[in-house]
N, C-alpha and C. Protein backbone atom coordinates (compact mmCIF):
# COMPACT_ATOMS: atom_id res chain seq x y z
N MET A 1 14.86 26.56 0.14
CA MET A 1 14.02 25.31 -0.34
C MET A 1 13.36 25.08 0.86
N TYR A 2 12.43 24.46 0.63
CA TYR A 2 11.88 23.76 2.37
C TYR A 2 11.75 22.45 1.83
N LYS A 3 11.73 22.07 3.13
CA LYS A 3 11.30 20.71 3.04
C LYS A 3 10.22 20.16 3.23
N LEU A 4 10.02 19.20 1.80
CA LEU A 4 8.25 18.51 1.83
C LEU A 4 7.63 17.56 3.12
N LYS A 5 7.06 17.94 2.81
CA LYS A 5 5.90 16.90 4.60
C LYS A 5 5.55 15.52 3.63
N THR A 6 5.71 14.79 5.00
CA THR A 6 5.54 13.16 3.55
C THR A 6 4.66 12.87 4.36
N ALA A 7 3.85 12.48 3.89
CA ALA A 7 2.42 12.23 4.66
C ALA A 7 2.63 11.35 4.86
N LYS A 8 2.46 10.78 6.69
CA LYS A 8 2.56 10.01 7.30
C LYS A 8 1.50 8.33 6.74
N ALA A 9 0.39 8.98 6.76
CA ALA A 9 -0.86 7.90 6.45
C ALA A 9 -0.47 6.47 5.39
N ILE A 10 0.26 7.62 4.48
CA ILE A 10 0.82 6.59 3.45
C ILE A 10 2.06 5.42 3.33
N ASN A 11 3.25 6.36 4.37
CA ASN A 11 4.01 6.11 4.50
C ASN A 11 4.07 5.24 5.69
N LYS A 12 2.74 4.53 6.31
CA LYS A 12 2.54 3.59 6.61
C LYS A 12 2.90 2.58 6.01
N ARG A 13 1.39 2.46 5.24
CA ARG A 13 0.92 1.79 4.68
C ARG A 13 2.01 1.06 2.94
N PHE A 14 1.61 1.74 2.45
CA PHE A 14 2.05 1.20 1.66
C PHE A 14 4.12 1.55 1.58
N LYS A 15 5.12 0.07 0.68
CA LYS A 15 6.23 -0.26 0.55
C LYS A 15 6.38 0.05 -0.77
N LYS A 16 7.77 0.92 -1.30
CA LYS A 16 8.47 1.16 -2.71
C LYS A 16 9.43 0.15 -2.92
N THR A 17 9.29 -0.34 -3.86
CA THR A 17 10.12 -1.38 -4.32
C THR A 17 11.11 -0.18 -4.85
N SER A 18 12.24 -1.39 -5.29
CA SER A 18 14.04 -1.08 -6.10
C SER A 18 13.59 -0.58 -7.30
N THR A 19 12.06 -1.54 -8.19
CA THR A 19 12.06 -1.02 -9.11
C THR A 19 10.86 0.99 -10.01
N GLY A 20 10.64 1.07 -8.50
CA GLY A 20 9.86 1.92 -8.33
C GLY A 20 8.31 1.75 -7.98
N LYS A 21 7.93 0.65 -7.96
CA LYS A 21 6.59 0.21 -7.88
C LYS A 21 6.05 0.43 -6.04
N LEU A 22 4.66 0.17 -5.82
CA LEU A 22 4.47 0.59 -4.52
C LEU A 22 3.11 -0.35 -4.12
N LEU A 23 3.51 -1.51 -3.13
CA LEU A 23 3.28 -2.90 -2.77
C LEU A 23 2.10 -2.13 -1.26
N LYS A 24 1.17 -3.02 -1.34
CA LYS A 24 0.04 -2.23 0.19
C LYS A 24 -0.47 -4.30 0.17
N HIS A 25 -1.32 -4.03 1.28
CA HIS A 25 -1.78 -5.27 1.65
C HIS A 25 -3.23 -5.19 1.41
N LYS A 26 -4.08 -6.21 1.21
CA LYS A 26 -5.70 -6.47 0.84
C LYS A 26 -6.31 -6.31 2.06
N SER A 27 -7.20 -5.23 1.00
CA SER A 27 -7.86 -4.75 2.48
C SER A 27 -9.23 -5.40 3.11
N PHE A 28 -10.22 -5.40 3.88
CA PHE A 28 -11.22 -6.37 3.96
C PHE A 28 -10.72 -7.71 4.94
N ARG A 29 -9.70 -7.30 5.76
CA ARG A 29 -9.16 -8.41 6.37
C ARG A 29 -9.15 -8.18 8.09
N SER A 30 -10.03 -7.09 8.52
CA SER A 30 -9.86 -6.67 9.73
C SER A 30 -10.94 -7.44 10.62
N HIS A 31 -12.26 -7.71 10.36
CA HIS A 31 -12.74 -8.22 11.47
C HIS A 31 -14.47 -8.81 10.01
N LEU A 32 -15.29 -9.38 10.94
CA LEU A 32 -16.62 -10.06 9.98
C LEU A 32 -15.90 -11.05 9.30
N LEU A 33 -14.21 -11.36 9.95
CA LEU A 33 -13.60 -13.15 8.85
C LEU A 33 -14.50 -14.12 9.16
N GLN A 34 -15.87 -14.76 10.27
CA GLN A 34 -16.59 -15.98 10.10
C GLN A 34 -17.16 -16.47 9.36
N LYS A 35 -17.17 -15.02 8.03
CA LYS A 35 -18.25 -15.51 6.88
C LYS A 35 -18.05 -15.14 5.99
N LYS A 36 -16.73 -15.32 5.80
CA LYS A 36 -15.69 -15.11 4.48
C LYS A 36 -15.14 -16.61 4.60
N THR A 37 -14.76 -17.42 3.67
CA THR A 37 -14.25 -18.28 3.47
C THR A 37 -12.70 -18.86 4.03
N SER A 38 -12.06 -19.46 3.81
CA SER A 38 -11.30 -19.75 3.98
C SER A 38 -10.49 -19.75 2.64
N LYS A 39 -10.53 -19.81 1.59
CA LYS A 39 -9.48 -19.69 0.29
C LYS A 39 -10.05 -17.76 0.01
N HIS A 40 -11.02 -17.45 0.42
CA HIS A 40 -11.57 -15.92 0.00
C HIS A 40 -10.43 -14.89 1.23
N LYS A 41 -10.38 -15.58 2.22
CA LYS A 41 -9.16 -14.89 3.49
C LYS A 41 -7.15 -15.44 2.86
N GLN A 42 -7.19 -16.26 2.44
CA GLN A 42 -6.13 -16.75 1.97
C GLN A 42 -5.78 -15.57 0.60
N HIS A 43 -6.25 -15.16 0.39
CA HIS A 43 -6.43 -14.25 -1.21
C HIS A 43 -6.16 -13.21 0.00
N LEU A 44 -6.51 -12.95 0.76
CA LEU A 44 -6.69 -11.41 1.48
C LEU A 44 -5.87 -11.40 2.26
N ARG A 45 -4.57 -12.73 2.16
CA ARG A 45 -3.29 -12.44 2.57
C ARG A 45 -1.87 -12.03 2.38
N LYS A 46 -2.49 -11.95 0.68
CA LYS A 46 -1.15 -11.71 -0.10
C LYS A 46 -1.16 -10.04 -0.26
N VAL A 47 0.54 -9.75 -0.49
CA VAL A 47 0.61 -8.05 -0.37
C VAL A 47 0.67 -7.85 -2.36
N VAL A 48 -0.01 -6.98 -2.41
CA VAL A 48 -0.18 -6.70 -4.55
C VAL A 48 0.28 -5.61 -4.82
N SER A 49 0.55 -5.45 -5.66
CA SER A 49 0.95 -3.89 -5.78
C SER A 49 0.23 -2.59 -5.90
N VAL A 50 0.06 -1.86 -6.33
CA VAL A 50 -0.64 -0.34 -6.45
C VAL A 50 -0.81 -0.68 -7.81
N ASN A 51 -2.03 -0.18 -8.42
CA ASN A 51 -2.12 0.34 -9.92
C ASN A 51 -1.34 1.03 -10.57
N PHE A 52 -1.30 1.01 -11.44
CA PHE A 52 -0.17 1.76 -12.73
C PHE A 52 -0.99 3.39 -12.31
N TYR A 53 -2.07 3.90 -12.33
CA TYR A 53 -2.63 4.40 -12.89
C TYR A 53 -2.83 5.86 -11.28
N ASP A 54 -2.21 4.52 -9.92
CA ASP A 54 -2.64 5.36 -8.61
C ASP A 54 -1.05 6.24 -8.16
N ILE A 55 0.11 5.01 -9.00
CA ILE A 55 0.99 5.15 -8.14
C ILE A 55 1.58 6.61 -8.32
N SER A 56 1.58 7.79 -9.19
CA SER A 56 1.32 8.87 -9.60
C SER A 56 1.02 9.75 -8.35
N ASN A 57 -0.16 9.54 -7.57
CA ASN A 57 -0.24 10.41 -6.57
C ASN A 57 -0.08 10.05 -5.44
N PHE A 58 0.81 8.58 -5.53
CA PHE A 58 0.92 8.89 -3.72
C PHE A 58 2.56 8.76 -3.94
N LEU A 59 3.19 8.86 -4.68
CA LEU A 59 4.35 9.12 -4.92
C LEU A 59 4.91 10.46 -4.80
N ASP A 60 3.97 11.26 -4.90
CA ASP A 60 3.55 12.95 -4.93
C ASP A 60 4.45 13.10 -3.22
N LYS A 61 3.11 12.47 -2.77
CA LYS A 61 3.25 12.44 -1.03
C LYS A 61 4.11 11.61 -0.31
N LEU A 62 5.15 11.38 -0.84
CA LEU A 62 6.42 10.71 -0.25
C LEU A 62 7.80 10.71 -1.32
N PRO A 63 7.90 11.81 -0.97
CA PRO A 63 9.15 12.62 -1.84
C PRO A 63 10.13 11.60 -1.07
N TYR A 64 10.49 11.83 0.06
CA TYR A 64 11.41 10.59 0.26
C TYR A 64 11.87 9.83 0.49
N LYS A 65 10.64 8.40 0.45
CA LYS A 65 10.89 7.50 0.84
C LYS A 65 11.62 6.81 -0.19
N LYS A 66 12.39 6.11 0.52
CA LYS A 66 13.56 4.68 -0.16
C LYS A 66 12.71 3.98 0.13
N LYS A 67 13.48 3.43 -0.04
CA LYS A 67 13.23 1.48 -0.73
C LYS A 67 12.58 1.02 0.12
């Protein structure tokens, strides 16, 4: 049996929870922050879970990802 390769780009951007969900950071937080309100930037700090319909696409590329 061959070893499966892990997609490193997905591996470093997502974290798998014990219940099987994937967590990610919100985007649009790297630059051009002076035009965004502080309330908007505050909401961008949060960690959110990946949409239910997209999880299967990511989990196929993370064969050995544990917690």
